[in-house]
Amino acid sequence: AQLRNALRNFVARPKADDLLVIFLAGHGLHDPASPERIYLAAHDTQVRQLGETALELTELRDLIGVNIRSRHTVLLFDVARPLEGEWVTGGSNLVNGYLLKLFSQEQGRTVFVSSSVSEVSQERAGTTGHQGVFARCLLDALQGSADWNRDHIVTVAEMFRYVASKVRADTNQQQTPRYEIAEQALPLAGQ
């Protein structure tokens, strides 16, 4: 319910020339009863009530498509978390492939997913809570580590190159972030 509310209201606030950044962390999963249906699950999602407690990717696409006014949108997804118990379904988890395909076709939309199809987003060793390697690398990038040309501006392209390289290195090549960039020179952070 909170995700739906944010995707209806918060994302509609930025005007056409504003930059909108959306970061979603959680689980991407296939419906055990209908594996062709893919959902983004929050911490309180219930498998037996996926339609009410998770966002199906088509619903996510519709909410974003209808409500975003910004011409510059960066979508960051860290949803390939390991699944356990009743959440596990057979076959490959295709959520990241679908997310890239679903959102990268829209003009002005840049999409970044934490890993490739069937890879699992790794947790950062030695941390408490649920901080993933992808999220930590994103924060490092935005705090200046990605500023390769030292102009004190982190662009979309710089951030993505840094995060993809750093995540692969930090996970011993077990996690490969993927991205589709609409505007490479779009500034994300400055110092």
N, C-alpha and C. Protein backbone atom coordinates (compact mmCIF):
# COMPACT_ATOMS: atom_id res chain seq x y z
N ALA A 1 0.82 -1.20 0.00
CA ALA A 1 0.00 0.00 0.00
C ALA A 1 0.87 1.26 0.00
N GLN A 2 1.96 1.24 0.78
CA GLN A 2 2.85 2.41 0.83
C GLN A 2 3.53 2.64 -0.52
N LEU A 3 3.95 1.56 -1.17
CA LEU A 3 4.57 1.69 -2.48
C LEU A 3 3.59 2.26 -3.50
N ARG A 4 2.38 1.75 -3.50
CA ARG A 4 1.38 2.27 -4.42
C ARG A 4 1.11 3.75 -4.17
N ASN A 5 1.00 4.12 -2.91
CA ASN A 5 0.77 5.52 -2.56
C ASN A 5 1.91 6.40 -3.06
N ALA A 6 3.14 5.98 -2.82
CA ALA A 6 4.30 6.77 -3.27
C ALA A 6 4.34 6.88 -4.79
N LEU A 7 4.01 5.80 -5.49
CA LEU A 7 4.05 5.82 -6.94
C LEU A 7 2.89 6.60 -7.55
N ARG A 8 1.85 6.82 -6.79
CA ARG A 8 0.75 7.67 -7.25
C ARG A 8 0.99 9.14 -6.93
N ASN A 9 1.52 9.41 -5.75
CA ASN A 9 1.59 10.78 -5.27
C ASN A 9 2.98 11.40 -5.32
N PHE A 10 3.95 10.78 -4.67
CA PHE A 10 5.28 11.37 -4.60
C PHE A 10 5.91 11.55 -5.97
N VAL A 11 5.84 10.52 -6.83
CA VAL A 11 6.51 10.61 -8.12
C VAL A 11 5.86 11.62 -9.06
N ALA A 12 4.65 12.05 -8.75
CA ALA A 12 3.98 13.04 -9.59
C ALA A 12 4.40 14.47 -9.24
N ARG A 13 5.08 14.66 -8.12
CA ARG A 13 5.47 16.02 -7.69
C ARG A 13 6.52 16.68 -8.58
N PRO A 14 7.59 15.99 -8.98
CA PRO A 14 8.59 16.66 -9.81
C PRO A 14 7.99 17.16 -11.12
N LYS A 15 8.41 18.34 -11.51
CA LYS A 15 7.94 18.96 -12.76
C LYS A 15 8.75 18.39 -13.93
N ALA A 16 8.40 18.81 -15.13
CA ALA A 16 9.00 18.27 -16.34
C ALA A 16 10.52 18.39 -16.37
N ASP A 17 11.09 19.49 -15.89
CA ASP A 17 12.54 19.68 -15.95
C ASP A 17 13.28 19.17 -14.72
N ASP A 18 12.57 18.63 -13.74
CA ASP A 18 13.21 18.08 -12.54
C ASP A 18 13.76 16.68 -12.82
N LEU A 19 14.71 16.29 -12.01
CA LEU A 19 15.24 14.93 -12.06
C LEU A 19 14.54 14.12 -10.98
N LEU A 20 13.97 12.99 -11.37
CA LEU A 20 13.31 12.09 -10.43
C LEU A 20 14.14 10.81 -10.34
N VAL A 21 14.53 10.45 -9.12
CA VAL A 21 15.26 9.22 -8.88
C VAL A 21 14.40 8.33 -7.98
N ILE A 22 14.15 7.12 -8.43
CA ILE A 22 13.37 6.14 -7.66
C ILE A 22 14.27 4.95 -7.37
N PHE A 23 14.39 4.60 -6.10
CA PHE A 23 15.17 3.44 -5.69
C PHE A 23 14.22 2.46 -4.99
N LEU A 24 14.13 1.26 -5.52
CA LEU A 24 13.30 0.22 -4.92
C LEU A 24 14.18 -0.96 -4.55
N ALA A 25 14.14 -1.32 -3.28
CA ALA A 25 14.88 -2.49 -2.79
C ALA A 25 13.86 -3.46 -2.21
N GLY A 26 14.06 -4.72 -2.44
CA GLY A 26 13.14 -5.74 -1.93
C GLY A 26 13.41 -7.05 -2.65
N HIS A 27 12.33 -7.74 -2.98
CA HIS A 27 12.43 -9.03 -3.66
C HIS A 27 11.68 -8.96 -4.98
N GLY A 28 12.25 -9.56 -5.99
CA GLY A 28 11.53 -9.79 -7.23
C GLY A 28 11.20 -11.26 -7.26
N LEU A 29 9.93 -11.59 -7.50
CA LEU A 29 9.56 -13.00 -7.48
C LEU A 29 8.48 -13.33 -8.47
N HIS A 30 8.48 -14.57 -8.87
CA HIS A 30 7.45 -15.09 -9.74
C HIS A 30 6.33 -15.64 -8.87
N ASP A 31 5.11 -15.45 -9.29
CA ASP A 31 3.96 -15.99 -8.57
C ASP A 31 4.05 -17.52 -8.61
N PRO A 32 4.09 -18.17 -7.44
CA PRO A 32 4.18 -19.64 -7.44
C PRO A 32 3.05 -20.31 -8.21
N ALA A 33 1.87 -19.70 -8.22
CA ALA A 33 0.73 -20.29 -8.92
C ALA A 33 0.74 -19.96 -10.42
N SER A 34 1.33 -18.83 -10.79
CA SER A 34 1.41 -18.38 -12.19
C SER A 34 2.79 -17.78 -12.43
N PRO A 35 3.81 -18.60 -12.69
CA PRO A 35 5.19 -18.11 -12.78
C PRO A 35 5.43 -17.01 -13.82
N GLU A 36 4.53 -16.87 -14.78
CA GLU A 36 4.69 -15.81 -15.78
C GLU A 36 4.41 -14.42 -15.19
N ARG A 37 3.75 -14.39 -14.04
CA ARG A 37 3.47 -13.12 -13.37
C ARG A 37 4.61 -12.82 -12.39
N ILE A 38 5.21 -11.64 -12.57
CA ILE A 38 6.37 -11.26 -11.76
C ILE A 38 5.99 -10.07 -10.89
N TYR A 39 6.42 -10.13 -9.65
CA TYR A 39 6.08 -9.12 -8.65
C TYR A 39 7.33 -8.52 -8.00
N LEU A 40 7.18 -7.29 -7.53
CA LEU A 40 8.13 -6.70 -6.60
C LEU A 40 7.50 -6.81 -5.24
N ALA A 41 8.22 -7.44 -4.33
CA ALA A 41 7.68 -7.71 -3.00
C ALA A 41 8.38 -6.84 -1.96
N ALA A 42 7.58 -6.33 -1.03
CA ALA A 42 8.09 -5.54 0.08
C ALA A 42 8.33 -6.45 1.28
N HIS A 43 8.80 -5.88 2.37
CA HIS A 43 9.11 -6.69 3.56
C HIS A 43 7.88 -7.37 4.14
N ASP A 44 6.69 -6.79 3.91
CA ASP A 44 5.47 -7.37 4.49
C ASP A 44 4.60 -8.09 3.46
N THR A 45 5.14 -8.39 2.30
CA THR A 45 4.38 -9.12 1.29
C THR A 45 4.05 -10.52 1.77
N GLN A 46 2.84 -10.96 1.44
CA GLN A 46 2.41 -12.30 1.79
C GLN A 46 2.20 -13.10 0.50
N VAL A 47 2.86 -14.23 0.41
CA VAL A 47 2.82 -15.02 -0.82
C VAL A 47 1.40 -15.39 -1.21
N ARG A 48 0.56 -15.68 -0.25
CA ARG A 48 -0.82 -16.09 -0.57
C ARG A 48 -1.71 -14.91 -0.94
N GLN A 49 -1.17 -13.69 -0.83
CA GLN A 49 -1.93 -12.49 -1.20
C GLN A 49 -1.06 -11.55 -2.03
N LEU A 50 -0.40 -12.09 -3.03
CA LEU A 50 0.52 -11.29 -3.84
C LEU A 50 -0.17 -10.09 -4.47
N GLY A 51 -1.35 -10.27 -5.02
CA GLY A 51 -2.05 -9.18 -5.69
C GLY A 51 -2.31 -7.98 -4.81
N GLU A 52 -2.51 -8.23 -3.52
CA GLU A 52 -2.80 -7.14 -2.58
C GLU A 52 -1.55 -6.63 -1.87
N THR A 53 -0.52 -7.45 -1.72
CA THR A 53 0.62 -7.08 -0.88
C THR A 53 1.93 -6.92 -1.65
N ALA A 54 1.89 -7.03 -2.97
CA ALA A 54 3.08 -6.83 -3.81
C ALA A 54 2.65 -6.10 -5.07
N LEU A 55 3.62 -5.61 -5.83
CA LEU A 55 3.34 -4.92 -7.09
C LEU A 55 3.70 -5.80 -8.27
N GLU A 56 2.71 -6.16 -9.06
CA GLU A 56 3.01 -6.87 -10.30
C GLU A 56 3.72 -5.89 -11.23
N LEU A 57 4.66 -6.37 -12.03
CA LEU A 57 5.44 -5.47 -12.88
C LEU A 57 4.58 -4.65 -13.83
N THR A 58 3.49 -5.22 -14.32
CA THR A 58 2.62 -4.43 -15.20
C THR A 58 1.95 -3.29 -14.44
N GLU A 59 1.59 -3.54 -13.18
CA GLU A 59 1.02 -2.49 -12.35
C GLU A 59 2.07 -1.41 -12.07
N LEU A 60 3.29 -1.81 -11.79
CA LEU A 60 4.37 -0.87 -11.57
C LEU A 60 4.58 0.00 -12.81
N ARG A 61 4.61 -0.62 -13.97
CA ARG A 61 4.76 0.12 -15.23
C ARG A 61 3.63 1.13 -15.40
N ASP A 62 2.41 0.72 -15.13
CA ASP A 62 1.27 1.62 -15.29
C ASP A 62 1.32 2.78 -14.30
N LEU A 63 1.67 2.49 -13.04
CA LEU A 63 1.75 3.55 -12.03
C LEU A 63 2.82 4.58 -12.40
N ILE A 64 3.95 4.10 -12.87
CA ILE A 64 5.02 5.01 -13.26
C ILE A 64 4.64 5.77 -14.53
N GLY A 65 4.10 5.06 -15.49
CA GLY A 65 3.73 5.69 -16.76
C GLY A 65 2.69 6.77 -16.63
N VAL A 66 1.73 6.59 -15.77
CA VAL A 66 0.64 7.55 -15.61
C VAL A 66 1.04 8.74 -14.74
N ASN A 67 1.85 8.50 -13.74
CA ASN A 67 2.07 9.53 -12.71
C ASN A 67 3.34 10.37 -12.85
N ILE A 68 4.33 9.91 -13.54
CA ILE A 68 5.57 10.67 -13.65
C ILE A 68 5.43 11.75 -14.71
N ARG A 69 5.79 12.97 -14.32
CA ARG A 69 5.79 14.11 -15.24
C ARG A 69 7.19 14.49 -15.67
N SER A 70 8.18 14.09 -14.90
CA SER A 70 9.56 14.45 -15.16
C SER A 70 10.05 13.81 -16.46
N ARG A 71 10.79 14.58 -17.25
CA ARG A 71 11.38 14.04 -18.49
C ARG A 71 12.68 13.30 -18.21
N HIS A 72 13.19 13.43 -16.98
CA HIS A 72 14.45 12.80 -16.59
C HIS A 72 14.21 11.93 -15.37
N THR A 73 14.12 10.63 -15.58
CA THR A 73 13.83 9.70 -14.49
C THR A 73 14.88 8.60 -14.46
N VAL A 74 15.42 8.38 -13.26
CA VAL A 74 16.39 7.31 -13.04
C VAL A 74 15.73 6.29 -12.11
N LEU A 75 15.59 5.06 -12.59
CA LEU A 75 14.98 3.98 -11.82
C LEU A 75 16.06 2.99 -11.40
N LEU A 76 16.20 2.80 -10.09
CA LEU A 76 17.21 1.92 -9.52
C LEU A 76 16.51 0.77 -8.81
N PHE A 77 16.79 -0.45 -9.22
CA PHE A 77 16.13 -1.62 -8.64
C PHE A 77 17.15 -2.57 -8.03
N ASP A 78 17.00 -2.82 -6.74
CA ASP A 78 17.82 -3.81 -6.03
C ASP A 78 16.87 -4.88 -5.52
N VAL A 79 16.41 -5.72 -6.43
CA VAL A 79 15.30 -6.64 -6.10
C VAL A 79 15.62 -8.11 -6.33
N ALA A 80 16.84 -8.43 -6.60
CA ALA A 80 17.19 -9.84 -6.85
C ALA A 80 17.73 -10.48 -5.58
N ARG A 81 17.03 -10.30 -4.50
CA ARG A 81 17.45 -10.84 -3.20
C ARG A 81 17.20 -12.34 -3.16
N PRO A 82 17.97 -13.06 -2.35
CA PRO A 82 17.74 -14.51 -2.23
C PRO A 82 16.36 -14.79 -1.64
N LEU A 83 15.70 -15.79 -2.20
CA LEU A 83 14.38 -16.18 -1.72
C LEU A 83 14.48 -17.46 -0.92
N GLU A 84 13.60 -17.58 0.08
CA GLU A 84 13.61 -18.76 0.95
C GLU A 84 12.20 -19.26 1.15
N GLY A 85 12.09 -20.50 1.57
CA GLY A 85 10.80 -21.09 1.95
C GLY A 85 9.79 -21.08 0.83
N GLU A 86 8.57 -20.64 1.14
CA GLU A 86 7.47 -20.68 0.18
C GLU A 86 7.63 -19.68 -0.96
N TRP A 87 8.60 -18.80 -0.86
CA TRP A 87 8.84 -17.81 -1.90
C TRP A 87 9.56 -18.41 -3.10
N VAL A 88 10.26 -19.51 -2.90
CA VAL A 88 11.08 -20.08 -3.95
C VAL A 88 10.20 -20.75 -5.00
N THR A 89 10.47 -20.42 -6.27
CA THR A 89 9.80 -21.08 -7.37
C THR A 89 10.86 -21.70 -8.25
N GLY A 90 10.49 -22.67 -9.03
CA GLY A 90 11.45 -23.31 -9.92
C GLY A 90 11.86 -22.40 -11.06
N GLY A 91 12.97 -22.68 -11.67
CA GLY A 91 13.41 -21.92 -12.83
C GLY A 91 14.19 -20.67 -12.47
N SER A 92 14.49 -19.90 -13.47
CA SER A 92 15.29 -18.69 -13.32
C SER A 92 14.43 -17.51 -12.89
N ASN A 93 15.00 -16.64 -12.07
CA ASN A 93 14.32 -15.41 -11.69
C ASN A 93 14.63 -14.38 -12.78
N LEU A 94 13.60 -13.97 -13.48
CA LEU A 94 13.75 -13.10 -14.64
C LEU A 94 13.44 -11.64 -14.35
N VAL A 95 13.26 -11.28 -13.08
CA VAL A 95 12.78 -9.95 -12.73
C VAL A 95 13.65 -8.85 -13.32
N ASN A 96 14.97 -8.95 -13.23
CA ASN A 96 15.83 -7.87 -13.71
C ASN A 96 15.76 -7.70 -15.23
N GLY A 97 15.67 -8.80 -15.95
CA GLY A 97 15.51 -8.71 -17.40
C GLY A 97 14.22 -8.01 -17.77
N TYR A 98 13.15 -8.34 -17.07
CA TYR A 98 11.86 -7.71 -17.34
C TYR A 98 11.87 -6.23 -16.97
N LEU A 99 12.51 -5.88 -15.86
CA LEU A 99 12.57 -4.47 -15.45
C LEU A 99 13.32 -3.64 -16.49
N LEU A 100 14.43 -4.14 -16.98
CA LEU A 100 15.17 -3.41 -18.02
C LEU A 100 14.32 -3.22 -19.27
N LYS A 101 13.69 -4.28 -19.70
CA LYS A 101 12.87 -4.22 -20.90
C LYS A 101 11.65 -3.31 -20.71
N LEU A 102 11.04 -3.40 -19.56
CA LEU A 102 9.81 -2.68 -19.28
C LEU A 102 10.00 -1.16 -19.26
N PHE A 103 11.11 -0.70 -18.71
CA PHE A 103 11.26 0.74 -18.49
C PHE A 103 12.25 1.43 -19.40
N SER A 104 13.15 0.71 -20.03
CA SER A 104 14.17 1.37 -20.84
C SER A 104 13.66 1.86 -22.18
N GLN A 105 12.47 1.45 -22.57
CA GLN A 105 11.93 1.86 -23.86
C GLN A 105 11.29 3.25 -23.82
N GLU A 106 11.07 3.77 -22.62
CA GLU A 106 10.46 5.09 -22.48
C GLU A 106 11.53 6.17 -22.62
N GLN A 107 11.22 7.23 -23.36
CA GLN A 107 12.16 8.33 -23.53
C GLN A 107 12.44 9.00 -22.19
N GLY A 108 13.72 9.28 -21.93
CA GLY A 108 14.11 9.96 -20.71
C GLY A 108 14.21 9.07 -19.49
N ARG A 109 13.99 7.77 -19.64
CA ARG A 109 14.04 6.85 -18.51
C ARG A 109 15.34 6.06 -18.54
N THR A 110 16.07 6.14 -17.46
CA THR A 110 17.30 5.38 -17.29
C THR A 110 17.02 4.32 -16.24
N VAL A 111 17.42 3.09 -16.52
CA VAL A 111 17.11 1.96 -15.64
C VAL A 111 18.41 1.27 -15.24
N PHE A 112 18.51 0.96 -13.96
CA PHE A 112 19.69 0.28 -13.43
C PHE A 112 19.20 -0.82 -12.50
N VAL A 113 19.58 -2.06 -12.78
CA VAL A 113 19.20 -3.19 -11.94
C VAL A 113 20.45 -3.77 -11.29
N SER A 114 20.28 -4.32 -10.10
CA SER A 114 21.41 -4.75 -9.27
C SER A 114 22.17 -5.95 -9.80
N SER A 115 21.55 -6.74 -10.67
CA SER A 115 22.22 -7.95 -11.14
C SER A 115 21.60 -8.43 -12.44
N SER A 116 22.25 -9.38 -13.05
CA SER A 116 21.75 -9.98 -14.27
C SER A 116 20.70 -11.04 -13.93
N VAL A 117 20.03 -11.52 -14.94
CA VAL A 117 19.00 -12.55 -14.78
C VAL A 117 19.61 -13.75 -14.07
N SER A 118 18.89 -14.27 -13.10
CA SER A 118 19.24 -15.46 -12.31
C SER A 118 20.40 -15.25 -11.36
N GLU A 119 20.93 -14.04 -11.24
CA GLU A 119 21.93 -13.76 -10.23
C GLU A 119 21.23 -13.24 -8.98
N VAL A 120 21.89 -13.38 -7.85
CA VAL A 120 21.34 -12.93 -6.58
C VAL A 120 22.11 -11.69 -6.13
N SER A 121 21.39 -10.69 -5.63
CA SER A 121 22.04 -9.51 -5.07
C SER A 121 22.69 -9.89 -3.75
N GLN A 122 23.97 -9.63 -3.66
CA GLN A 122 24.76 -10.02 -2.50
C GLN A 122 24.63 -9.00 -1.37
N GLU A 123 24.67 -9.49 -0.14
CA GLU A 123 24.72 -8.61 1.03
C GLU A 123 26.16 -8.23 1.28
N ARG A 124 26.37 -7.08 1.83
CA ARG A 124 27.73 -6.61 2.13
C ARG A 124 28.23 -7.30 3.40
N ALA A 125 29.36 -7.93 3.33
CA ALA A 125 29.94 -8.64 4.47
C ALA A 125 30.24 -7.67 5.60
N GLY A 126 29.94 -8.09 6.82
CA GLY A 126 30.26 -7.30 8.00
C GLY A 126 29.30 -6.18 8.31
N THR A 127 28.15 -6.13 7.64
CA THR A 127 27.18 -5.07 7.94
C THR A 127 26.01 -5.66 8.70
N THR A 128 25.36 -4.82 9.44
CA THR A 128 24.13 -5.24 10.11
C THR A 128 22.96 -4.79 9.26
N GLY A 129 21.83 -5.40 9.46
CA GLY A 129 20.66 -5.05 8.66
C GLY A 129 20.74 -5.72 7.31
N HIS A 130 20.18 -5.05 6.30
CA HIS A 130 20.11 -5.64 4.97
C HIS A 130 20.70 -4.72 3.92
N GLN A 131 21.90 -4.25 4.14
CA GLN A 131 22.52 -3.39 3.14
C GLN A 131 23.22 -4.25 2.11
N GLY A 132 22.77 -4.11 0.88
CA GLY A 132 23.38 -4.87 -0.20
C GLY A 132 24.61 -4.19 -0.75
N VAL A 133 25.41 -4.96 -1.45
CA VAL A 133 26.60 -4.43 -2.10
C VAL A 133 26.21 -3.35 -3.10
N PHE A 134 25.15 -3.59 -3.86
CA PHE A 134 24.67 -2.64 -4.86
C PHE A 134 24.33 -1.28 -4.23
N ALA A 135 23.56 -1.30 -3.15
CA ALA A 135 23.16 -0.05 -2.47
C ALA A 135 24.38 0.69 -1.94
N ARG A 136 25.31 -0.03 -1.33
CA ARG A 136 26.51 0.62 -0.79
C ARG A 136 27.33 1.27 -1.90
N CYS A 137 27.46 0.57 -3.02
CA CYS A 137 28.22 1.12 -4.15
C CYS A 137 27.52 2.34 -4.76
N LEU A 138 26.19 2.32 -4.80
CA LEU A 138 25.45 3.49 -5.27
C LEU A 138 25.74 4.70 -4.38
N LEU A 139 25.70 4.51 -3.07
CA LEU A 139 25.99 5.61 -2.14
C LEU A 139 27.41 6.12 -2.31
N ASP A 140 28.36 5.22 -2.43
CA ASP A 140 29.75 5.63 -2.64
C ASP A 140 29.88 6.45 -3.93
N ALA A 141 29.22 5.98 -4.97
CA ALA A 141 29.28 6.67 -6.26
C ALA A 141 28.73 8.09 -6.16
N LEU A 142 27.57 8.23 -5.52
CA LEU A 142 26.95 9.55 -5.40
C LEU A 142 27.71 10.48 -4.47
N GLN A 143 28.51 9.93 -3.58
CA GLN A 143 29.32 10.74 -2.68
C GLN A 143 30.65 11.15 -3.32
N GLY A 144 30.84 10.82 -4.60
CA GLY A 144 32.00 11.30 -5.32
C GLY A 144 32.94 10.25 -5.86
N SER A 145 32.84 9.02 -5.43
CA SER A 145 33.77 7.99 -5.90
C SER A 145 33.66 7.74 -7.40
N ALA A 146 32.53 8.04 -7.99
CA ALA A 146 32.33 7.80 -9.42
C ALA A 146 32.77 8.96 -10.30
N ASP A 147 33.21 10.05 -9.71
CA ASP A 147 33.59 11.24 -10.48
C ASP A 147 34.94 11.02 -11.16
N TRP A 148 34.94 10.25 -12.24
CA TRP A 148 36.17 9.83 -12.90
C TRP A 148 36.92 10.99 -13.53
N ASN A 149 36.22 11.97 -14.06
CA ASN A 149 36.91 13.07 -14.72
C ASN A 149 37.23 14.23 -13.76
N ARG A 150 36.89 14.07 -12.50
CA ARG A 150 37.21 15.03 -11.42
C ARG A 150 36.66 16.43 -11.67
N ASP A 151 35.46 16.49 -12.26
CA ASP A 151 34.84 17.80 -12.48
C ASP A 151 33.84 18.16 -11.38
N HIS A 152 33.80 17.36 -10.33
CA HIS A 152 32.93 17.55 -9.16
C HIS A 152 31.45 17.34 -9.47
N ILE A 153 31.18 16.62 -10.55
CA ILE A 153 29.81 16.27 -10.92
C ILE A 153 29.80 14.77 -11.24
N VAL A 154 28.88 14.04 -10.64
CA VAL A 154 28.71 12.62 -10.96
C VAL A 154 27.55 12.50 -11.94
N THR A 155 27.85 12.07 -13.15
CA THR A 155 26.82 11.89 -14.16
C THR A 155 26.25 10.48 -14.09
N VAL A 156 25.16 10.27 -14.78
CA VAL A 156 24.54 8.95 -14.85
C VAL A 156 25.55 7.92 -15.36
N ALA A 157 26.23 8.24 -16.44
CA ALA A 157 27.18 7.29 -17.03
C ALA A 157 28.32 6.98 -16.06
N GLU A 158 28.85 8.00 -15.37
CA GLU A 158 29.92 7.76 -14.41
C GLU A 158 29.45 6.86 -13.27
N MET A 159 28.25 7.15 -12.76
CA MET A 159 27.72 6.35 -11.66
C MET A 159 27.57 4.89 -12.08
N PHE A 160 26.98 4.66 -13.23
CA PHE A 160 26.73 3.30 -13.67
C PHE A 160 28.02 2.54 -13.91
N ARG A 161 28.99 3.18 -14.57
CA ARG A 161 30.27 2.50 -14.80
C ARG A 161 30.94 2.13 -13.48
N TYR A 162 30.93 3.08 -12.54
CA TYR A 162 31.57 2.83 -11.24
C TYR A 162 30.86 1.70 -10.51
N VAL A 163 29.54 1.79 -10.38
CA VAL A 163 28.79 0.79 -9.62
C VAL A 163 28.91 -0.60 -10.25
N ALA A 164 28.77 -0.68 -11.55
CA ALA A 164 28.86 -1.99 -12.21
C ALA A 164 30.23 -2.62 -11.96
N SER A 165 31.28 -1.83 -12.11
CA SER A 165 32.64 -2.35 -11.90
C SER A 165 32.88 -2.72 -10.44
N LYS A 166 32.47 -1.86 -9.53
CA LYS A 166 32.71 -2.08 -8.10
C LYS A 166 31.91 -3.28 -7.57
N VAL A 167 30.65 -3.40 -7.98
CA VAL A 167 29.82 -4.53 -7.54
C VAL A 167 30.42 -5.84 -8.03
N ARG A 168 30.85 -5.89 -9.28
CA ARG A 168 31.47 -7.13 -9.79
C ARG A 168 32.71 -7.48 -8.98
N ALA A 169 33.52 -6.48 -8.69
CA ALA A 169 34.75 -6.74 -7.92
C ALA A 169 34.42 -7.17 -6.50
N ASP A 170 33.49 -6.48 -5.85
CA ASP A 170 33.15 -6.77 -4.45
C ASP A 170 32.43 -8.10 -4.26
N THR A 171 31.84 -8.63 -5.32
CA THR A 171 31.12 -9.91 -5.20
C THR A 171 31.89 -11.05 -5.87
N ASN A 172 33.15 -10.82 -6.17
CA ASN A 172 33.97 -11.85 -6.81
C ASN A 172 33.34 -12.32 -8.11
N GLN A 173 32.84 -11.36 -8.90
CA GLN A 173 32.24 -11.59 -10.23
C GLN A 173 30.93 -12.38 -10.18
N GLN A 174 30.26 -12.44 -9.03
CA GLN A 174 29.02 -13.19 -8.90
C GLN A 174 27.77 -12.34 -9.14
N GLN A 175 27.94 -11.02 -9.25
CA GLN A 175 26.80 -10.13 -9.44
C GLN A 175 27.18 -9.08 -10.48
N THR A 176 26.38 -9.00 -11.53
CA THR A 176 26.66 -8.09 -12.63
C THR A 176 25.49 -7.14 -12.83
N PRO A 177 25.59 -5.92 -12.32
CA PRO A 177 24.52 -4.95 -12.56
C PRO A 177 24.36 -4.67 -14.06
N ARG A 178 23.14 -4.38 -14.45
CA ARG A 178 22.82 -4.08 -15.85
C ARG A 178 22.14 -2.72 -15.91
N TYR A 179 22.27 -2.06 -17.03
CA TYR A 179 21.66 -0.74 -17.14
C TYR A 179 21.36 -0.37 -18.58
N GLU A 180 20.43 0.54 -18.71
CA GLU A 180 20.07 1.18 -19.98
C GLU A 180 20.04 2.67 -19.68
N ILE A 181 20.89 3.43 -20.36
CA ILE A 181 21.03 4.86 -20.08
C ILE A 181 20.34 5.68 -21.16
N ALA A 182 19.48 6.61 -20.74
CA ALA A 182 18.81 7.52 -21.66
C ALA A 182 19.69 8.72 -21.96
N GLU A 183 20.29 9.31 -20.92
CA GLU A 183 21.11 10.51 -21.08
C GLU A 183 22.40 10.34 -20.29
N GLN A 184 23.48 10.04 -20.96
CA GLN A 184 24.72 9.73 -20.27
C GLN A 184 25.28 10.90 -19.46
N ALA A 185 25.11 12.12 -19.93
CA ALA A 185 25.70 13.28 -19.27
C ALA A 185 24.79 13.87 -18.18
N LEU A 186 23.65 13.25 -17.92
CA LEU A 186 22.73 13.76 -16.92
C LEU A 186 23.40 13.80 -15.56
N PRO A 187 23.52 14.99 -14.94
CA PRO A 187 24.16 15.06 -13.62
C PRO A 187 23.26 14.51 -12.51
N LEU A 188 23.85 13.72 -11.62
CA LEU A 188 23.11 13.15 -10.50
C LEU A 188 23.52 13.76 -9.16
N ALA A 189 24.79 14.10 -9.04
CA ALA A 189 25.29 14.65 -7.78
C ALA A 189 26.46 15.59 -8.07
N GLY A 190 26.60 16.58 -7.24
CA GLY A 190 27.71 17.52 -7.36
C GLY A 190 28.36 17.74 -6.01
N GLN A 191 29.61 18.20 -6.05
CA GLN A 191 30.33 18.42 -4.81
C GLN A 191 30.88 19.81 -4.76
